[in-house]
Protein backbone atom coordinates (compact mmCIF):
# COMPACT_ATOMS: atom_id res chain seq x y z
CA UNK A 1 -34.76 -20.56 47.07
CA UNK A 2 -37.00 -17.50 46.84
CA UNK A 3 -40.01 -17.80 44.55
CA UNK A 4 -38.59 -14.83 42.64
CA UNK A 5 -35.50 -16.84 41.79
CA UNK A 6 -37.39 -19.63 40.03
CA UNK A 7 -36.89 -19.30 36.28
CA UNK A 8 -38.57 -20.97 33.30
CA UNK A 9 -36.56 -22.15 30.27
CA UNK A 10 -37.47 -19.00 28.30
CA UNK A 11 -36.36 -16.82 31.23
CA UNK A 12 -32.87 -18.31 30.97
CA UNK A 13 -32.65 -19.48 27.37
CA UNK A 14 -29.34 -19.98 25.55
CA UNK A 15 -28.75 -19.32 21.86
CA UNK A 16 -27.49 -22.04 19.55
CA UNK A 17 -24.47 -20.46 17.87
CA UNK A 18 -21.80 -17.80 18.37
CA UNK A 19 -23.19 -16.00 15.33
CA UNK A 20 -26.56 -15.67 17.06
CA UNK A 21 -24.85 -14.20 20.13
CA UNK A 22 -22.99 -11.71 17.93
CA UNK A 23 -26.29 -10.52 16.45
CA UNK A 24 -27.89 -10.45 19.89
CA UNK A 25 -25.17 -8.26 21.43
CA UNK A 26 -25.28 -5.86 18.48
CA UNK A 27 -29.05 -5.41 18.78
CA UNK A 28 -29.11 -5.06 22.59
CA UNK A 29 -26.18 -2.63 22.78
CA UNK A 30 -27.50 -0.49 19.94
CA UNK A 31 -31.08 -0.45 21.25
CA UNK A 32 -30.11 0.47 24.80
CA UNK A 33 -27.68 3.20 23.74
CA UNK A 34 -30.36 4.71 21.50
CA UNK A 35 -32.93 4.50 24.29
CA UNK A 36 -30.77 6.24 26.89
CA UNK A 37 -29.85 9.03 24.47
CA UNK A 38 -33.45 9.65 23.43
CA UNK A 39 -34.82 9.63 27.00
CA UNK A 40 -32.42 12.47 27.74
CA UNK A 41 -33.36 14.41 24.59
CA UNK A 42 -37.13 13.91 24.61
CA UNK A 43 -37.76 15.63 27.96
CA UNK A 44 -39.44 12.54 29.38
CA UNK A 45 -37.60 13.42 32.57
CA UNK A 46 -35.86 16.48 34.00
CA UNK A 47 -32.25 17.34 33.04
CA UNK A 48 -31.03 16.16 36.46
CA UNK A 49 -32.88 12.85 36.07
CA UNK A 50 -31.62 12.49 32.48
CA UNK A 51 -28.00 12.77 33.66
CA UNK A 52 -28.55 9.82 36.02
CA UNK A 53 -30.32 7.81 33.30
CA UNK A 54 -27.17 8.28 31.19
CA UNK A 55 -24.92 7.13 34.06
CA UNK A 56 -26.95 4.01 34.83
CA UNK A 57 -27.17 3.30 31.10
CA UNK A 58 -23.37 3.46 30.81
CA UNK A 59 -23.03 0.87 33.59
CA UNK A 60 -25.44 -1.46 31.81
CA UNK A 61 -23.81 -1.14 28.38
CA UNK A 62 -20.39 -1.65 30.00
CA UNK A 63 -21.71 -4.87 31.55
CA UNK A 64 -23.14 -6.03 28.20
CA UNK A 65 -19.74 -5.54 26.58
CA UNK A 66 -18.15 -7.52 29.44
CA UNK A 67 -20.62 -10.35 28.74
CA UNK A 68 -19.72 -10.28 25.05
CA UNK A 69 -16.02 -10.64 25.81
CA UNK A 70 -16.58 -13.25 28.50
CA UNK A 71 -18.53 -15.61 26.24
CA UNK A 72 -16.73 -14.80 22.97
CA UNK A 73 -14.82 -18.07 22.68
CA UNK A 74 -16.29 -20.08 25.54
CA UNK A 75 -17.59 -23.39 24.19
CA UNK A 76 -18.58 -24.75 27.59
CA UNK A 77 -20.80 -21.94 28.92
CA UNK A 78 -23.40 -19.81 27.15
CA UNK A 79 -25.03 -16.64 28.38
CA UNK A 80 -28.62 -17.00 29.54
CA UNK A 81 -31.18 -14.57 28.15
CA UNK A 82 -34.77 -13.79 29.13
CA UNK A 83 -36.73 -14.16 25.90
CA UNK A 84 -40.13 -13.43 27.44
CA UNK A 85 -40.54 -10.25 29.52
CA UNK A 86 -37.16 -8.70 28.92
CA UNK A 87 -34.89 -9.36 25.96
CA UNK A 88 -31.99 -8.67 28.35
CA UNK A 89 -29.66 -11.17 30.08
CA UNK A 90 -31.01 -13.20 32.98
CA UNK A 91 -30.26 -11.44 36.29
CA UNK A 92 -28.02 -14.33 37.40
CA UNK A 93 -25.52 -13.38 34.69
CA UNK A 94 -24.80 -10.12 36.50
CA UNK A 95 -24.13 -12.01 39.72
CA UNK A 96 -21.76 -14.43 37.93
CA UNK A 97 -19.98 -11.52 36.29
CA UNK A 98 -19.47 -9.76 39.61
CA UNK A 99 -18.26 -12.99 41.27
CA UNK A 100 -15.86 -13.65 38.39
CA UNK A 101 -14.19 -10.31 38.81
CA UNK A 102 -13.87 -10.75 42.57
CA UNK A 103 -11.57 -13.69 41.78
CA UNK A 104 -9.88 -12.13 38.74
CA UNK A 105 -6.32 -12.50 40.09
CA UNK A 106 -6.90 -16.19 40.74
CA UNK A 107 -8.19 -16.67 37.17
CA UNK A 108 -5.36 -14.61 35.63
CA UNK A 109 -2.75 -16.73 37.45
CA UNK A 110 -4.03 -19.81 35.59
CA UNK A 111 -3.69 -18.18 32.15
CA UNK A 112 -0.52 -17.68 30.08
CA UNK A 113 1.13 -14.27 30.06
CA UNK A 114 -0.20 -11.76 27.53
CA UNK A 115 3.17 -11.44 25.77
CA UNK A 116 3.36 -15.23 25.42
CA UNK A 117 -0.07 -15.34 23.80
CA UNK A 118 0.85 -12.53 21.38
CA UNK A 119 4.05 -14.31 20.36
CA UNK A 120 2.23 -17.60 19.79
CA UNK A 121 -0.42 -15.87 17.66
CA UNK A 122 2.19 -14.17 15.48
CA UNK A 123 4.16 -17.38 15.02
CA UNK A 124 1.04 -19.38 14.14
CA UNK A 125 -0.31 -16.81 11.68
CA UNK A 126 2.88 -15.53 10.03
CA UNK A 127 5.36 -18.39 10.29
CA UNK A 128 3.18 -21.51 10.28
CA UNK A 129 0.39 -19.96 8.15
CA UNK A 130 -2.20 -21.71 10.34
CA UNK A 131 -5.43 -20.42 11.92
CA UNK A 132 -5.55 -19.84 15.67
CA UNK A 133 -7.20 -22.73 17.53
CA UNK A 134 -10.42 -22.12 19.47
CA UNK A 135 -8.60 -23.02 22.68
CA UNK A 136 -6.04 -20.25 22.12
CA UNK A 137 -8.76 -17.78 21.14
CA UNK A 138 -10.61 -18.61 24.35
CA UNK A 139 -7.42 -18.00 26.36
CA UNK A 140 -6.92 -14.63 24.64
CA UNK A 141 -10.54 -13.59 25.23
CA UNK A 142 -10.26 -14.61 28.89
CA UNK A 143 -7.12 -12.51 29.28
CA UNK A 144 -8.86 -9.49 27.77
CA UNK A 145 -11.89 -10.10 29.99
CA UNK A 146 -10.00 -10.42 33.29
CA UNK A 147 -7.47 -7.65 32.61
CA UNK A 148 -9.73 -5.01 31.06
CA UNK A 149 -13.10 -5.31 32.81
CA UNK A 150 -13.35 -3.25 36.00
CA UNK A 151 -15.67 -4.63 38.69
CA UNK A 152 -16.68 -1.17 39.94
CA UNK A 153 -18.34 -0.39 36.57
CA UNK A 154 -20.50 -3.52 36.49
CA UNK A 155 -24.25 -3.00 36.81
CA UNK A 156 -25.10 -4.73 40.08
CA UNK A 157 -28.51 -5.91 41.25
CA UNK A 158 -28.83 -2.61 43.15
CA UNK A 159 -26.96 0.57 42.24
CA UNK A 160 -27.18 3.54 44.62
CA UNK A 161 -27.01 7.12 43.36
CA UNK A 162 -26.00 10.16 45.39
CA UNK A 163 -28.37 12.49 47.24
CA UNK A 164 -28.34 15.94 45.66
CA UNK A 165 -30.05 19.26 46.41
CA UNK A 166 -33.01 19.91 44.12
CA UNK A 167 -32.37 22.56 41.49
CA UNK A 168 -35.74 22.31 39.76
CA UNK A 169 -37.99 24.89 41.44
CA UNK A 170 -41.10 23.07 40.19
CA UNK A 171 -40.33 20.28 42.67
CA UNK A 172 -41.33 21.30 46.19
CA UNK A 173 -38.55 19.35 47.88
CA UNK A 174 -35.08 19.88 49.33
CA UNK A 175 -33.35 16.78 47.96
CA UNK A 176 -33.44 14.15 45.23
CA UNK A 177 -31.96 10.66 45.38
CA UNK A 178 -31.76 8.12 42.57
CA UNK A 179 -31.13 4.41 42.44
CA UNK A 180 -31.37 1.60 39.93
CA UNK A 181 -31.99 -2.12 40.22
CA UNK A 182 -32.16 -5.16 37.98
CA UNK A 183 -35.39 -6.93 38.86
CA UNK A 184 -34.95 -10.68 39.41
CA UNK A 185 -38.44 -11.53 38.14
CA UNK A 186 -38.70 -9.35 35.03
CA UNK A 187 -34.94 -9.42 34.24
CA UNK A 188 -35.12 -5.74 33.34
CA UNK A 189 -33.41 -2.59 34.64
CA UNK A 190 -35.44 -0.01 36.58
CA UNK A 191 -34.40 3.53 37.51
CA UNK A 192 -36.03 5.39 40.43
CA UNK A 193 -36.02 8.99 41.62
CA UNK A 194 -37.33 10.23 44.97
CA UNK A 195 -37.79 13.87 46.01
CA UNK A 196 -37.95 14.52 49.75
CA UNK A 197 -37.47 16.87 52.71
CA UNK A 198 -35.64 16.13 55.96
CA UNK A 199 -37.00 16.83 59.44
CA UNK A 200 -34.96 16.96 62.66
CA UNK A 201 -31.90 15.54 60.89
CA UNK A 202 -29.09 16.76 58.68
CA UNK A 203 -28.23 15.06 55.44
CA UNK A 204 -24.80 13.98 56.67
CA UNK A 205 -26.10 12.21 59.76
CA UNK A 206 -29.05 10.58 57.98
CA UNK A 207 -27.56 9.76 54.58
CA UNK A 208 -26.36 6.22 55.35
CA UNK A 209 -29.71 5.31 56.89
CA UNK A 210 -31.48 6.47 53.72
CA UNK A 211 -29.17 4.37 51.54
CA UNK A 212 -29.70 1.31 53.75
CA UNK A 213 -33.50 1.57 53.63
CA UNK A 214 -33.58 2.09 49.87
CA UNK A 215 -31.50 -1.03 49.24
CA UNK A 216 -33.64 -3.11 51.60
CA UNK A 217 -37.09 -1.90 50.54
CA UNK A 218 -36.85 -0.49 46.98
CA UNK A 219 -34.69 -3.03 45.16
CA UNK A 220 -37.45 -4.85 43.25
CA UNK A 221 -40.40 -4.10 41.00
CA UNK A 222 -43.40 -3.26 43.19
CA UNK A 223 -46.09 -0.64 42.64
CA UNK A 224 -44.74 2.84 43.09
CA UNK A 225 -47.18 3.79 45.89
CA UNK A 226 -46.25 0.63 47.83
CA UNK A 227 -42.58 1.48 47.38
CA UNK A 228 -43.16 5.04 48.57
CA UNK A 229 -45.06 3.85 51.66
CA UNK A 230 -42.36 1.27 52.52
CA UNK A 231 -39.65 3.96 52.40
CA UNK A 232 -41.76 6.48 54.33
CA UNK A 233 -42.56 3.92 57.04
CA UNK A 234 -38.89 3.18 57.77
CA UNK A 235 -37.49 6.70 57.72
CA UNK A 236 -39.04 8.85 60.46
CA UNK A 237 -37.01 11.95 59.61
CA UNK A 238 -37.58 11.81 55.87
CA UNK A 239 -40.72 13.27 54.26
CA UNK A 240 -40.95 11.93 50.69
CA UNK A 241 -42.85 14.15 48.25
CA UNK A 242 -42.58 12.45 44.87
CA UNK A 243 -41.41 9.04 43.61
CA UNK A 244 -40.80 8.07 39.97
CA UNK A 245 -39.97 4.61 38.62
CA UNK A 246 -38.80 4.02 35.03
CA UNK A 247 -39.20 0.49 33.67
CA UNK A 248 -36.74 0.05 30.79
CA UNK A 249 -38.01 -2.75 28.55
CA UNK A 250 -38.93 -5.16 27.23
CA UNK A 251 -36.81 -5.18 24.10
CA UNK A 252 -38.87 -6.42 21.14
CA UNK A 253 -36.62 -8.17 18.61
CA UNK A 254 -35.98 -11.42 16.75
CA UNK A 255 -34.89 -12.92 20.09
CA UNK A 256 -38.19 -12.19 21.86
CA UNK A 257 -40.73 -14.95 22.51
CA UNK A 258 -43.39 -12.90 24.30
CA UNK A 259 -47.01 -12.85 23.18
CA UNK A 260 -47.46 -9.07 23.18
CA UNK A 261 -48.75 -7.41 19.99
CA UNK A 262 -45.59 -5.32 19.41
CA UNK A 263 -43.28 -8.34 19.63
CA UNK A 264 -45.66 -10.44 17.52
CA UNK A 265 -45.83 -7.79 14.75
CA UNK A 266 -42.03 -7.44 14.56
CA UNK A 267 -41.40 -11.20 14.55
CA UNK A 268 -44.05 -11.73 11.86
CA UNK A 269 -42.46 -9.05 9.65
CA UNK A 270 -39.00 -10.61 10.10
CA UNK A 271 -40.35 -14.07 9.19
CA UNK A 272 -42.04 -12.59 6.09
CA UNK A 273 -38.75 -10.80 5.24
CA UNK A 274 -40.50 -7.42 5.39
CA UNK A 275 -38.04 -6.45 8.13
CA UNK A 276 -34.35 -7.20 8.41
CA UNK A 277 -33.13 -9.44 11.20
CA UNK A 278 -32.01 -6.31 13.07
CA UNK A 279 -35.51 -4.80 13.44
CA UNK A 280 -36.34 -3.85 17.03
CA UNK A 281 -38.37 -1.66 19.36
CA UNK A 282 -38.07 -1.02 23.08
CA UNK A 283 -40.83 -0.16 25.56
CA UNK A 284 -40.54 2.15 28.57
CA UNK A 285 -43.10 2.71 31.32
CA UNK A 286 -43.09 5.48 33.92
CA UNK A 287 -44.94 5.15 37.21
CA UNK A 288 -45.18 8.14 39.54
CA UNK A 289 -46.66 8.71 42.99
CA UNK A 290 -47.14 12.05 44.75
CA UNK A 291 -48.09 12.89 48.32
CA UNK A 292 -51.47 14.53 48.86
CA UNK A 293 -51.33 14.96 52.64
CA UNK A 294 -50.32 13.12 55.78
CA UNK A 295 -51.77 11.06 58.62
CA UNK A 296 -50.58 9.96 62.05
CA UNK A 297 -49.96 6.31 62.91
CA UNK A 298 -49.17 4.73 66.29
CA UNK A 299 -49.92 5.68 69.90
CA UNK A 300 -49.08 8.68 72.06
CA UNK A 301 -45.59 7.37 72.91
CA UNK A 302 -44.73 6.13 69.43
CA UNK A 303 -46.34 8.47 66.96
CA UNK A 304 -45.29 8.64 63.30
CA UNK A 305 -46.41 11.03 60.56
CA UNK A 306 -46.84 9.24 57.22
CA UNK A 307 -47.69 10.53 53.77
CA UNK A 308 -50.90 9.81 51.87
CA UNK A 309 -49.87 8.64 48.41
CA UNK A 310 -51.66 8.99 45.11
CA UNK A 311 -50.39 7.03 42.12
CA UNK A 312 -50.64 8.92 38.84
CA UNK A 313 -51.70 7.18 35.64
CA UNK A 314 -48.83 5.13 34.24
CA UNK A 315 -47.16 6.60 31.15
CA UNK A 316 -46.14 4.25 28.35
CA UNK A 317 -43.60 5.04 25.65
CA UNK A 318 -42.25 3.14 22.65
CA UNK A 319 -38.92 3.76 20.93
CA UNK A 320 -38.38 2.30 17.45
CA UNK A 321 -36.95 3.01 13.98
CA UNK A 322 -39.21 4.70 11.43
CA UNK A 323 -39.93 1.59 9.35
CA UNK A 324 -40.94 -0.40 12.43
CA UNK A 325 -43.13 2.51 13.52
CA UNK A 326 -45.01 2.47 10.20
CA UNK A 327 -45.65 -1.28 10.43
CA UNK A 328 -46.96 -0.98 13.99
CA UNK A 329 -49.38 1.77 12.98
CA UNK A 330 -50.56 -0.37 10.05
CA UNK A 331 -51.01 -3.59 12.03
CA UNK A 332 -51.82 -2.67 15.64
CA UNK A 333 -53.08 0.94 15.64
CA UNK A 334 -55.10 0.42 18.84
CA UNK A 335 -51.94 -0.57 20.75
CA UNK A 336 -49.95 2.38 19.41
CA UNK A 337 -52.76 4.88 20.01
CA UNK A 338 -52.91 3.74 23.65
CA UNK A 339 -49.37 5.03 24.25
CA UNK A 340 -48.85 8.26 26.19
CA UNK A 341 -47.45 9.88 23.05
CA UNK A 342 -46.59 8.87 19.50
CA UNK A 343 -43.70 6.38 19.19
CA UNK A 344 -40.31 8.06 19.48
CA UNK A 345 -38.04 7.48 16.51
CA UNK A 346 -34.56 6.04 17.07
CA UNK A 347 -31.95 4.92 14.56
CA UNK A 348 -32.17 1.56 12.84
CA UNK A 349 -29.33 -0.95 13.01
CA UNK A 350 -27.39 -2.43 10.09
CA UNK A 351 -25.83 -5.76 10.96
CA UNK A 352 -23.46 -5.86 7.98
């Protein structure tokens, strides 16, 4: 087992009751939808980048809804959540979800037909005046899960975006490619954008090689200049110009157990009943590296031109409802003032 696959109990914690999972899914879905919408509207990234953020966000929220259905009436298995650095599901859950749907026909064959389940529900509720048993509810949820969830829309560990010509004239590059990954250590989604030129190769003949290298070298959370160098080193005909990496999370909520000041302030306010149970905030960090020149590596017979990379100062953003924002300014002003800009307001959540 890779060292990155070792998890602590808080990296893969389970909640105690179905009610807790219902609250959890409401908070996570709401927070992530708000985040994706605001990133697009706040000009934190270009319009082209924002459109990809929306697409990757849709894959993640689709997967979260699939998790909710999967575990709705399952008394034997509970979804594992990272309560420390993430607030999102443990990365293994995405693997299990993908594997489940690979065998969906096999699972469906072991369940009763949908029409049979509907008839039994109607007879139990209307004729017998009895509640539906948990076993029957689990069967119904499983049927919905296996018949409605589409495997191609699940957020996988690595999601490759298309290579597109650059429309933004401020970027001195021919092409832009995006990709997203779910880091196995942090249990958080990351979205990356790379701007580049091609040399002695057309896009059509080099495209698959680019995709292969990205999946093999840029599928985990490493520093952005290291990532840029690793890509540059393996693609002789590609000249990268700019690389951006968005770190989406952690989610600070009642389900977080991290020691950071933002999480601590929110939890304390919930315990003191100053905040509702639904109070939350979500952090985002942007790392960016740009090329400042090039150098030659190798000997006369095997010479390669590589870029010199300079990592820009990391930008840190916080998205939260107005009431949470006020409390953070009151309690941890030094943390909030260290952000790249003032916290960005998003809508609060009402659980009832």
